[in-house]
N, C-alpha and C. Protein backbone atom coordinates (compact mmCIF):
# COMPACT_ATOMS: atom_id res chain seq x y z
N UNK A 1 1.76 -14.92 5.04
CA UNK A 1 1.14 -13.74 5.63
C UNK A 1 -0.05 -14.16 6.47
N UNK A 2 -0.19 -13.54 7.59
CA UNK A 2 -1.31 -13.80 8.48
C UNK A 2 -2.59 -13.21 7.90
N UNK A 3 -3.71 -13.84 8.20
CA UNK A 3 -5.00 -13.34 7.71
C UNK A 3 -5.54 -12.22 8.59
N UNK A 4 -5.01 -12.04 9.80
CA UNK A 4 -5.51 -11.01 10.70
C UNK A 4 -5.36 -9.59 10.15
N UNK A 5 -4.20 -9.21 9.58
CA UNK A 5 -4.12 -7.87 8.98
C UNK A 5 -5.11 -7.70 7.82
N UNK A 6 -5.31 -8.74 7.02
CA UNK A 6 -6.25 -8.63 5.91
C UNK A 6 -7.67 -8.40 6.42
N UNK A 7 -8.02 -9.05 7.51
CA UNK A 7 -9.33 -8.83 8.12
C UNK A 7 -9.43 -7.39 8.62
N UNK A 8 -8.36 -6.88 9.21
CA UNK A 8 -8.35 -5.49 9.68
C UNK A 8 -8.50 -4.53 8.50
N UNK A 9 -7.83 -4.80 7.37
CA UNK A 9 -7.92 -3.93 6.20
C UNK A 9 -9.33 -3.98 5.61
N UNK A 10 -9.96 -5.17 5.62
CA UNK A 10 -11.34 -5.31 5.15
C UNK A 10 -12.25 -4.39 5.96
N UNK A 11 -12.17 -4.48 7.28
CA UNK A 11 -13.02 -3.65 8.13
C UNK A 11 -12.59 -2.18 8.10
N UNK A 12 -11.31 -1.92 7.86
CA UNK A 12 -10.87 -0.55 7.68
C UNK A 12 -11.52 0.09 6.46
N UNK A 13 -11.56 -0.66 5.36
CA UNK A 13 -12.25 -0.18 4.15
C UNK A 13 -13.73 0.04 4.41
N UNK A 14 -14.31 -0.87 5.17
CA UNK A 14 -15.72 -0.79 5.56
C UNK A 14 -15.99 0.52 6.31
N UNK A 15 -15.21 0.79 7.35
CA UNK A 15 -15.43 1.99 8.16
C UNK A 15 -15.13 3.28 7.38
N UNK A 16 -14.06 3.28 6.59
CA UNK A 16 -13.72 4.49 5.85
C UNK A 16 -14.76 4.81 4.78
N UNK A 17 -15.27 3.81 4.09
CA UNK A 17 -16.33 4.05 3.11
C UNK A 17 -17.62 4.50 3.79
N UNK A 18 -17.90 3.94 4.95
CA UNK A 18 -19.11 4.32 5.68
C UNK A 18 -19.04 5.77 6.16
N UNK A 19 -17.85 6.31 6.34
CA UNK A 19 -17.71 7.69 6.79
C UNK A 19 -18.18 8.69 5.73
N UNK A 20 -18.08 8.32 4.46
CA UNK A 20 -18.34 9.27 3.37
C UNK A 20 -19.76 9.84 3.38
N UNK A 21 -20.82 9.01 3.32
CA UNK A 21 -22.16 9.61 3.25
C UNK A 21 -22.52 10.41 4.50
N UNK A 22 -22.02 9.99 5.64
CA UNK A 22 -22.31 10.72 6.87
C UNK A 22 -21.60 12.08 6.88
N UNK A 23 -20.35 12.11 6.42
CA UNK A 23 -19.62 13.37 6.36
C UNK A 23 -20.27 14.32 5.36
N UNK A 24 -20.59 13.81 4.18
CA UNK A 24 -21.17 14.67 3.14
C UNK A 24 -22.52 15.22 3.58
N UNK A 25 -23.39 14.35 4.10
CA UNK A 25 -24.70 14.82 4.56
C UNK A 25 -24.54 15.84 5.68
N UNK A 26 -23.69 15.53 6.64
CA UNK A 26 -23.49 16.44 7.76
C UNK A 26 -22.93 17.78 7.33
N UNK A 27 -21.94 17.76 6.44
CA UNK A 27 -21.34 19.01 5.99
C UNK A 27 -22.30 19.84 5.14
N UNK A 28 -23.25 19.18 4.51
CA UNK A 28 -24.26 19.91 3.74
C UNK A 28 -25.42 20.37 4.62
N UNK A 29 -25.36 20.01 5.91
CA UNK A 29 -26.42 20.42 6.83
C UNK A 29 -27.69 19.61 6.69
N UNK A 30 -27.57 18.42 6.12
CA UNK A 30 -28.75 17.57 5.89
C UNK A 30 -28.81 16.42 6.88
N UNK A 31 -30.01 16.09 7.34
CA UNK A 31 -30.14 14.91 8.18
C UNK A 31 -29.93 13.65 7.33
N UNK A 32 -29.51 12.58 7.99
CA UNK A 32 -29.29 11.30 7.30
C UNK A 32 -29.46 10.18 8.32
N UNK A 33 -29.73 9.00 7.84
CA UNK A 33 -29.89 7.84 8.72
C UNK A 33 -28.57 7.55 9.45
N UNK A 34 -28.70 7.13 10.69
CA UNK A 34 -27.53 6.71 11.46
C UNK A 34 -27.97 5.70 12.50
N UNK A 35 -27.02 5.05 13.16
CA UNK A 35 -27.38 4.09 14.20
C UNK A 35 -28.04 4.74 15.41
N UNK A 36 -27.97 6.06 15.51
CA UNK A 36 -28.50 6.76 16.68
C UNK A 36 -29.93 7.27 16.47
N UNK A 37 -30.45 7.10 15.27
CA UNK A 37 -31.82 7.56 14.96
C UNK A 37 -32.83 6.56 15.53
N UNK A 38 -34.07 6.97 15.53
CA UNK A 38 -35.15 6.08 15.95
C UNK A 38 -36.09 5.88 14.78
N UNK A 39 -36.27 4.69 14.28
CA UNK A 39 -35.52 3.46 14.60
C UNK A 39 -34.10 3.52 14.02
N UNK A 40 -33.17 2.84 14.68
CA UNK A 40 -31.77 2.87 14.25
C UNK A 40 -31.59 2.46 12.78
N UNK A 41 -30.84 3.27 12.04
CA UNK A 41 -30.55 2.96 10.64
C UNK A 41 -31.69 3.29 9.69
N UNK A 42 -32.81 3.74 10.22
CA UNK A 42 -33.95 4.09 9.37
C UNK A 42 -34.38 5.54 9.56
N UNK A 43 -34.47 5.97 10.82
CA UNK A 43 -34.84 7.35 11.10
C UNK A 43 -33.68 8.28 10.78
N UNK A 44 -33.95 9.57 10.82
CA UNK A 44 -32.93 10.56 10.49
C UNK A 44 -32.25 11.09 11.74
N UNK A 45 -30.94 11.30 11.62
CA UNK A 45 -30.16 11.95 12.66
C UNK A 45 -29.74 13.32 12.15
N UNK A 46 -29.46 14.21 13.07
CA UNK A 46 -29.07 15.57 12.69
C UNK A 46 -27.75 15.57 11.93
N UNK A 47 -27.50 16.69 11.26
CA UNK A 47 -26.24 16.83 10.53
C UNK A 47 -25.04 16.77 11.49
N UNK A 48 -25.19 17.30 12.69
CA UNK A 48 -24.10 17.27 13.66
C UNK A 48 -23.79 15.83 14.09
N UNK A 49 -24.81 15.05 14.37
CA UNK A 49 -24.62 13.64 14.72
C UNK A 49 -23.91 12.91 13.59
N UNK A 50 -24.29 13.21 12.35
CA UNK A 50 -23.67 12.54 11.21
C UNK A 50 -22.20 12.91 11.06
N UNK A 51 -21.84 14.15 11.32
CA UNK A 51 -20.42 14.53 11.27
C UNK A 51 -19.64 13.79 12.36
N UNK A 52 -20.21 13.74 13.56
CA UNK A 52 -19.55 13.01 14.65
C UNK A 52 -19.39 11.53 14.31
N UNK A 53 -20.44 10.92 13.76
CA UNK A 53 -20.41 9.50 13.39
C UNK A 53 -19.38 9.27 12.28
N UNK A 54 -19.28 10.20 11.35
CA UNK A 54 -18.31 10.09 10.28
C UNK A 54 -16.89 10.09 10.83
N UNK A 55 -16.60 11.02 11.74
CA UNK A 55 -15.25 11.09 12.30
C UNK A 55 -14.93 9.87 13.15
N UNK A 56 -15.90 9.32 13.83
CA UNK A 56 -15.68 8.08 14.56
C UNK A 56 -15.29 6.97 13.57
N UNK A 57 -16.00 6.88 12.44
CA UNK A 57 -15.69 5.88 11.42
C UNK A 57 -14.30 6.09 10.84
N UNK A 58 -13.92 7.34 10.64
CA UNK A 58 -12.58 7.64 10.11
C UNK A 58 -11.50 7.20 11.10
N UNK A 59 -11.70 7.46 12.36
CA UNK A 59 -10.72 7.06 13.38
C UNK A 59 -10.58 5.54 13.42
N UNK A 60 -11.69 4.82 13.45
CA UNK A 60 -11.64 3.35 13.48
C UNK A 60 -10.99 2.83 12.20
N UNK A 61 -11.38 3.38 11.05
CA UNK A 61 -10.79 2.96 9.78
C UNK A 61 -9.29 3.20 9.75
N UNK A 62 -8.86 4.35 10.23
CA UNK A 62 -7.43 4.65 10.29
C UNK A 62 -6.70 3.64 11.17
N UNK A 63 -7.23 3.40 12.34
CA UNK A 63 -6.58 2.45 13.25
C UNK A 63 -6.46 1.07 12.62
N UNK A 64 -7.50 0.63 11.94
CA UNK A 64 -7.48 -0.71 11.34
C UNK A 64 -6.54 -0.81 10.15
N UNK A 65 -6.45 0.24 9.35
CA UNK A 65 -5.62 0.19 8.15
C UNK A 65 -4.17 0.58 8.44
N UNK A 66 -3.97 1.60 9.22
CA UNK A 66 -2.62 2.14 9.40
C UNK A 66 -1.89 1.65 10.63
N UNK A 67 -2.60 1.08 11.58
CA UNK A 67 -1.94 0.67 12.82
C UNK A 67 -1.90 -0.85 13.02
N UNK A 68 -2.59 -1.59 12.16
CA UNK A 68 -2.56 -3.06 12.23
C UNK A 68 -1.75 -3.55 11.04
N UNK A 69 -0.78 -4.35 11.27
CA UNK A 69 0.03 -4.88 10.18
C UNK A 69 0.85 -3.79 9.51
N UNK A 70 1.16 -4.02 8.23
CA UNK A 70 1.96 -3.08 7.44
C UNK A 70 1.26 -2.90 6.09
N UNK A 71 0.18 -2.12 6.07
CA UNK A 71 -0.61 -1.91 4.86
C UNK A 71 0.25 -1.30 3.76
N UNK A 72 0.21 -1.92 2.58
CA UNK A 72 0.98 -1.46 1.44
C UNK A 72 0.05 -1.26 0.25
N UNK A 73 0.06 -0.05 -0.33
CA UNK A 73 -0.78 0.22 -1.50
C UNK A 73 -0.43 -0.66 -2.69
N UNK A 74 0.79 -1.13 -2.76
CA UNK A 74 1.22 -1.96 -3.89
C UNK A 74 1.06 -3.45 -3.64
N UNK A 75 0.54 -3.80 -2.48
CA UNK A 75 0.30 -5.21 -2.16
C UNK A 75 -1.14 -5.54 -2.54
N UNK A 76 -1.28 -6.40 -3.53
CA UNK A 76 -2.60 -6.72 -4.07
C UNK A 76 -3.54 -7.27 -3.00
N UNK A 77 -3.05 -8.13 -2.14
CA UNK A 77 -3.92 -8.71 -1.11
C UNK A 77 -4.44 -7.63 -0.16
N UNK A 78 -3.58 -6.68 0.20
CA UNK A 78 -3.99 -5.59 1.08
C UNK A 78 -5.09 -4.76 0.42
N UNK A 79 -4.89 -4.41 -0.84
CA UNK A 79 -5.86 -3.58 -1.57
C UNK A 79 -7.17 -4.32 -1.81
N UNK A 80 -7.09 -5.60 -2.13
CA UNK A 80 -8.30 -6.39 -2.35
C UNK A 80 -9.12 -6.47 -1.06
N UNK A 81 -8.47 -6.71 0.05
CA UNK A 81 -9.18 -6.78 1.34
C UNK A 81 -9.82 -5.43 1.65
N UNK A 82 -9.06 -4.35 1.53
CA UNK A 82 -9.58 -3.01 1.78
C UNK A 82 -10.74 -2.69 0.84
N UNK A 83 -10.53 -2.93 -0.44
CA UNK A 83 -11.56 -2.63 -1.45
C UNK A 83 -12.81 -3.46 -1.27
N UNK A 84 -12.67 -4.72 -0.86
CA UNK A 84 -13.84 -5.57 -0.64
C UNK A 84 -14.69 -5.02 0.50
N UNK A 85 -14.06 -4.57 1.57
CA UNK A 85 -14.81 -3.98 2.67
C UNK A 85 -15.53 -2.72 2.24
N UNK A 86 -14.82 -1.84 1.52
CA UNK A 86 -15.43 -0.59 1.04
C UNK A 86 -16.56 -0.89 0.07
N UNK A 87 -16.36 -1.83 -0.84
CA UNK A 87 -17.39 -2.18 -1.83
C UNK A 87 -18.63 -2.75 -1.16
N UNK A 88 -18.45 -3.67 -0.23
CA UNK A 88 -19.61 -4.31 0.38
C UNK A 88 -20.44 -3.34 1.21
N UNK A 89 -19.83 -2.44 1.98
CA UNK A 89 -20.62 -1.47 2.74
C UNK A 89 -21.28 -0.49 1.79
N UNK A 90 -20.62 -0.15 0.69
CA UNK A 90 -21.22 0.76 -0.29
C UNK A 90 -22.44 0.13 -0.95
N UNK A 91 -22.32 -1.13 -1.32
CA UNK A 91 -23.44 -1.83 -1.94
C UNK A 91 -24.59 -1.99 -0.95
N UNK A 92 -24.27 -2.38 0.28
CA UNK A 92 -25.29 -2.50 1.32
C UNK A 92 -26.00 -1.17 1.54
N UNK A 93 -25.21 -0.09 1.64
CA UNK A 93 -25.79 1.23 1.88
C UNK A 93 -26.70 1.66 0.74
N UNK A 94 -26.28 1.41 -0.49
CA UNK A 94 -27.10 1.76 -1.64
C UNK A 94 -28.45 1.05 -1.59
N UNK A 95 -28.43 -0.22 -1.25
CA UNK A 95 -29.68 -0.99 -1.18
C UNK A 95 -30.52 -0.56 0.02
N UNK A 96 -29.89 -0.44 1.18
CA UNK A 96 -30.63 -0.14 2.40
C UNK A 96 -31.18 1.29 2.39
N UNK A 97 -30.32 2.28 2.15
CA UNK A 97 -30.75 3.67 2.22
C UNK A 97 -31.51 4.11 0.97
N UNK A 98 -31.36 3.37 -0.11
CA UNK A 98 -32.13 3.67 -1.32
C UNK A 98 -33.63 3.57 -1.08
N UNK A 99 -34.03 2.73 -0.15
CA UNK A 99 -35.46 2.60 0.20
C UNK A 99 -36.00 3.91 0.75
N UNK A 100 -35.18 4.66 1.45
CA UNK A 100 -35.63 5.87 2.13
C UNK A 100 -35.37 7.14 1.33
N UNK A 101 -34.40 7.09 0.42
CA UNK A 101 -33.97 8.31 -0.27
C UNK A 101 -34.20 8.28 -1.78
N UNK A 102 -35.05 7.39 -2.25
CA UNK A 102 -35.39 7.35 -3.68
C UNK A 102 -34.32 6.73 -4.56
N UNK A 103 -33.41 5.98 -4.00
CA UNK A 103 -32.33 5.40 -4.77
C UNK A 103 -32.71 4.18 -5.60
N UNK A 104 -33.94 3.71 -5.44
CA UNK A 104 -34.35 2.53 -6.22
C UNK A 104 -35.24 2.91 -7.40
N UNK A 105 -35.36 4.20 -7.67
CA UNK A 105 -36.19 4.65 -8.80
C UNK A 105 -35.56 4.15 -10.10
N UNK A 106 -36.40 3.66 -11.00
CA UNK A 106 -35.88 3.14 -12.26
C UNK A 106 -36.12 4.09 -13.41
N UNK A 107 -36.96 5.10 -13.23
CA UNK A 107 -37.24 6.07 -14.30
C UNK A 107 -36.38 7.32 -14.13
N UNK A 108 -35.96 7.87 -15.25
CA UNK A 108 -35.27 9.15 -15.22
C UNK A 108 -36.31 10.25 -15.26
N UNK A 109 -36.14 11.26 -14.46
CA UNK A 109 -37.11 12.36 -14.44
C UNK A 109 -36.75 13.41 -15.44
């Protein structure tokens, strides 16, 4: 098997997982960090921008997972590549955005 589809599935998982917080924040009418804010990735973007950014991520994720290679849910390599991309962007987002949204608090209120 070629490594190119696995790389596409990795980045597909990355983009699809990245769509989630932007879609949720946007649909709730809340601002959230995006690449279009000032400063990029730190400032807040409007809920509308976040919905648009989410759908862009969904389109790219779809193209990478469903249009490159032959992604199979029962193929362990495909799922591991996809899951690794989703996990890594999720972990990065938790660490990065936790600084701005109180996600690093260690005490329960």
